[in-house]
Structure formats: structure tokens, C-alpha cells
Amino acid sequence: MNYNNKPFNDVIAHQQHIEGSPKTGRGRLPLFIRIIGYFLFGSFLLMMVVGVIALFLFN
């Protein structure tokens, strides 16, 4: 798929060039923020799994 950054009308062109509106296409978060997100969601998932296992073992 080709993501073309050419605006389709004058309003979008004004927003992109004058007001600083982001161009079309998909952006990504910086690596450091992605690593923090992976760590937080991974640790949450790990705590849920350990909690379910502990529930069955100690109940």
C-alpha cells in the first residue's frame, strides 16, 4: 500500500504546512516508551497468571 502524503484539498494542505498537523501515515512510539509498555503489560499478564495458579494451589 502506498501512503501518499499529498493533501487532497487546500484545508488539509494548510493544516499540514502552516498549523503543523501531522502527515498521513502510521507513526510509531520511540523505542524506550515501547519497552516500558511491553514491561508493564507483560508484568500485569504475568501477575494475573501467577494469581490464578496460586488461587488453585492454595485454596
N, C-alpha and C. Protein backbone atom coordinates (compact mmCIF):
# COMPACT_ATOMS: atom_id res chain seq x y z
N MET A 1 0.84 -1.18 0.00
CA MET A 1 0.00 0.00 0.00
C MET A 1 0.88 1.24 0.00
N ASN A 2 0.54 2.19 -0.77
CA ASN A 2 1.32 3.41 -0.86
C ASN A 2 0.62 4.53 -0.09
N TYR A 3 1.27 4.99 0.98
CA TYR A 3 0.72 6.11 1.74
C TYR A 3 1.26 7.40 1.14
N ASN A 4 0.40 8.11 0.44
CA ASN A 4 0.82 9.34 -0.20
C ASN A 4 0.53 10.50 0.74
N ASN A 5 1.51 11.35 0.98
CA ASN A 5 1.35 12.47 1.89
C ASN A 5 0.82 13.72 1.19
N LYS A 6 0.43 13.60 -0.05
CA LYS A 6 -0.10 14.75 -0.79
C LYS A 6 -1.50 15.07 -0.27
N PRO A 7 -1.76 16.31 0.14
CA PRO A 7 -3.09 16.65 0.64
C PRO A 7 -4.13 16.62 -0.48
N PHE A 8 -5.36 16.26 -0.11
CA PHE A 8 -6.40 16.15 -1.13
C PHE A 8 -7.21 17.42 -1.30
N ASN A 9 -7.03 18.39 -0.43
CA ASN A 9 -7.66 19.70 -0.64
C ASN A 9 -6.85 20.79 0.06
N ASP A 10 -7.25 22.03 -0.10
CA ASP A 10 -6.49 23.16 0.43
C ASP A 10 -6.51 23.24 1.95
N VAL A 11 -7.59 22.78 2.56
CA VAL A 11 -7.69 22.85 4.02
C VAL A 11 -6.65 21.93 4.65
N ILE A 12 -6.55 20.72 4.14
CA ILE A 12 -5.56 19.77 4.68
C ILE A 12 -4.15 20.28 4.42
N ALA A 13 -3.91 20.87 3.25
CA ALA A 13 -2.59 21.43 2.95
C ALA A 13 -2.24 22.55 3.93
N HIS A 14 -3.21 23.39 4.27
CA HIS A 14 -2.98 24.47 5.23
C HIS A 14 -2.64 23.90 6.60
N GLN A 15 -3.38 22.90 7.03
CA GLN A 15 -3.10 22.30 8.33
C GLN A 15 -1.72 21.68 8.37
N GLN A 16 -1.32 21.01 7.31
CA GLN A 16 -0.02 20.34 7.30
C GLN A 16 1.13 21.33 7.25
N HIS A 17 1.01 22.39 6.48
CA HIS A 17 2.14 23.29 6.28
C HIS A 17 2.17 24.46 7.27
N ILE A 18 1.03 25.01 7.63
CA ILE A 18 1.00 26.20 8.48
C ILE A 18 0.81 25.83 9.95
N GLU A 19 -0.19 25.01 10.23
CA GLU A 19 -0.52 24.69 11.62
C GLU A 19 0.28 23.52 12.17
N GLY A 20 0.95 22.76 11.32
CA GLY A 20 1.78 21.66 11.80
C GLY A 20 1.02 20.39 12.07
N SER A 21 -0.08 20.18 11.39
CA SER A 21 -0.82 18.94 11.55
C SER A 21 0.02 17.78 11.01
N PRO A 22 -0.01 16.63 11.68
CA PRO A 22 0.82 15.52 11.23
C PRO A 22 0.38 15.01 9.85
N LYS A 23 1.32 14.46 9.14
CA LYS A 23 1.04 13.92 7.82
C LYS A 23 0.32 12.59 7.95
N THR A 24 -0.29 12.17 6.85
CA THR A 24 -0.97 10.88 6.87
C THR A 24 0.05 9.77 6.94
N GLY A 25 -0.37 8.65 7.43
CA GLY A 25 0.53 7.52 7.59
C GLY A 25 0.57 7.12 9.05
N ARG A 26 1.23 6.02 9.32
CA ARG A 26 1.27 5.49 10.67
C ARG A 26 2.58 5.85 11.34
N GLY A 27 2.49 6.38 12.54
CA GLY A 27 3.69 6.70 13.31
C GLY A 27 3.93 5.64 14.36
N ARG A 28 5.11 5.64 14.92
CA ARG A 28 5.45 4.69 15.96
C ARG A 28 5.99 5.44 17.16
N LEU A 29 5.81 4.83 18.32
CA LEU A 29 6.36 5.41 19.54
C LEU A 29 7.86 5.18 19.59
N PRO A 30 8.58 6.00 20.33
CA PRO A 30 10.01 5.76 20.50
C PRO A 30 10.27 4.41 21.19
N LEU A 31 11.43 3.86 20.95
CA LEU A 31 11.77 2.53 21.46
C LEU A 31 11.67 2.46 22.97
N PHE A 32 12.16 3.49 23.68
CA PHE A 32 12.14 3.46 25.14
C PHE A 32 10.71 3.36 25.67
N ILE A 33 9.78 4.10 25.09
CA ILE A 33 8.39 4.07 25.55
C ILE A 33 7.75 2.72 25.22
N ARG A 34 8.09 2.14 24.06
CA ARG A 34 7.56 0.81 23.71
C ARG A 34 8.07 -0.24 24.68
N ILE A 35 9.34 -0.15 25.08
CA ILE A 35 9.89 -1.13 26.03
C ILE A 35 9.20 -1.02 27.37
N ILE A 36 8.94 0.21 27.83
CA ILE A 36 8.21 0.40 29.10
C ILE A 36 6.82 -0.21 28.99
N GLY A 37 6.14 0.01 27.87
CA GLY A 37 4.80 -0.56 27.67
C GLY A 37 4.82 -2.08 27.67
N TYR A 38 5.80 -2.68 26.98
CA TYR A 38 5.91 -4.13 26.98
C TYR A 38 6.15 -4.65 28.39
N PHE A 39 7.00 -3.97 29.15
CA PHE A 39 7.28 -4.39 30.52
C PHE A 39 6.04 -4.30 31.40
N LEU A 40 5.30 -3.19 31.31
CA LEU A 40 4.12 -3.03 32.16
C LEU A 40 3.03 -4.04 31.82
N PHE A 41 2.71 -4.18 30.54
CA PHE A 41 1.67 -5.13 30.16
C PHE A 41 2.11 -6.57 30.38
N GLY A 42 3.39 -6.85 30.15
CA GLY A 42 3.89 -8.20 30.40
C GLY A 42 3.86 -8.56 31.87
N SER A 43 4.26 -7.63 32.73
CA SER A 43 4.23 -7.92 34.17
C SER A 43 2.79 -8.04 34.68
N PHE A 44 1.88 -7.26 34.11
CA PHE A 44 0.47 -7.39 34.51
C PHE A 44 -0.06 -8.76 34.12
N LEU A 45 0.25 -9.20 32.91
CA LEU A 45 -0.22 -10.51 32.46
C LEU A 45 0.41 -11.62 33.30
N LEU A 46 1.69 -11.48 33.62
CA LEU A 46 2.37 -12.48 34.45
C LEU A 46 1.76 -12.54 35.85
N MET A 47 1.43 -11.39 36.45
CA MET A 47 0.79 -11.38 37.77
C MET A 47 -0.58 -12.04 37.73
N MET A 48 -1.32 -11.84 36.63
CA MET A 48 -2.64 -12.48 36.51
C MET A 48 -2.49 -14.00 36.44
N VAL A 49 -1.54 -14.48 35.66
CA VAL A 49 -1.34 -15.92 35.54
C VAL A 49 -0.88 -16.51 36.87
N VAL A 50 0.05 -15.86 37.54
CA VAL A 50 0.53 -16.35 38.83
C VAL A 50 -0.61 -16.31 39.85
N GLY A 51 -1.44 -15.29 39.80
CA GLY A 51 -2.58 -15.21 40.72
C GLY A 51 -3.59 -16.32 40.51
N VAL A 52 -3.87 -16.67 39.28
CA VAL A 52 -4.82 -17.77 39.00
C VAL A 52 -4.23 -19.09 39.44
N ILE A 53 -2.95 -19.30 39.19
CA ILE A 53 -2.31 -20.54 39.63
C ILE A 53 -2.29 -20.62 41.15
N ALA A 54 -1.97 -19.53 41.83
CA ALA A 54 -1.95 -19.50 43.29
C ALA A 54 -3.34 -19.72 43.86
N LEU A 55 -4.35 -19.22 43.17
CA LEU A 55 -5.73 -19.42 43.64
C LEU A 55 -6.08 -20.89 43.68
N PHE A 56 -5.67 -21.65 42.67
CA PHE A 56 -5.99 -23.07 42.64
C PHE A 56 -5.08 -23.87 43.57
N LEU A 57 -3.85 -23.44 43.76
CA LEU A 57 -2.94 -24.20 44.62
C LEU A 57 -3.21 -24.01 46.10
N PHE A 58 -3.53 -22.81 46.52
CA PHE A 58 -3.65 -22.51 47.95
C PHE A 58 -5.08 -22.38 48.44
N ASN A 59 -6.03 -22.77 47.65
CA ASN A 59 -7.44 -22.67 48.07
C ASN A 59 -8.01 -24.02 48.32
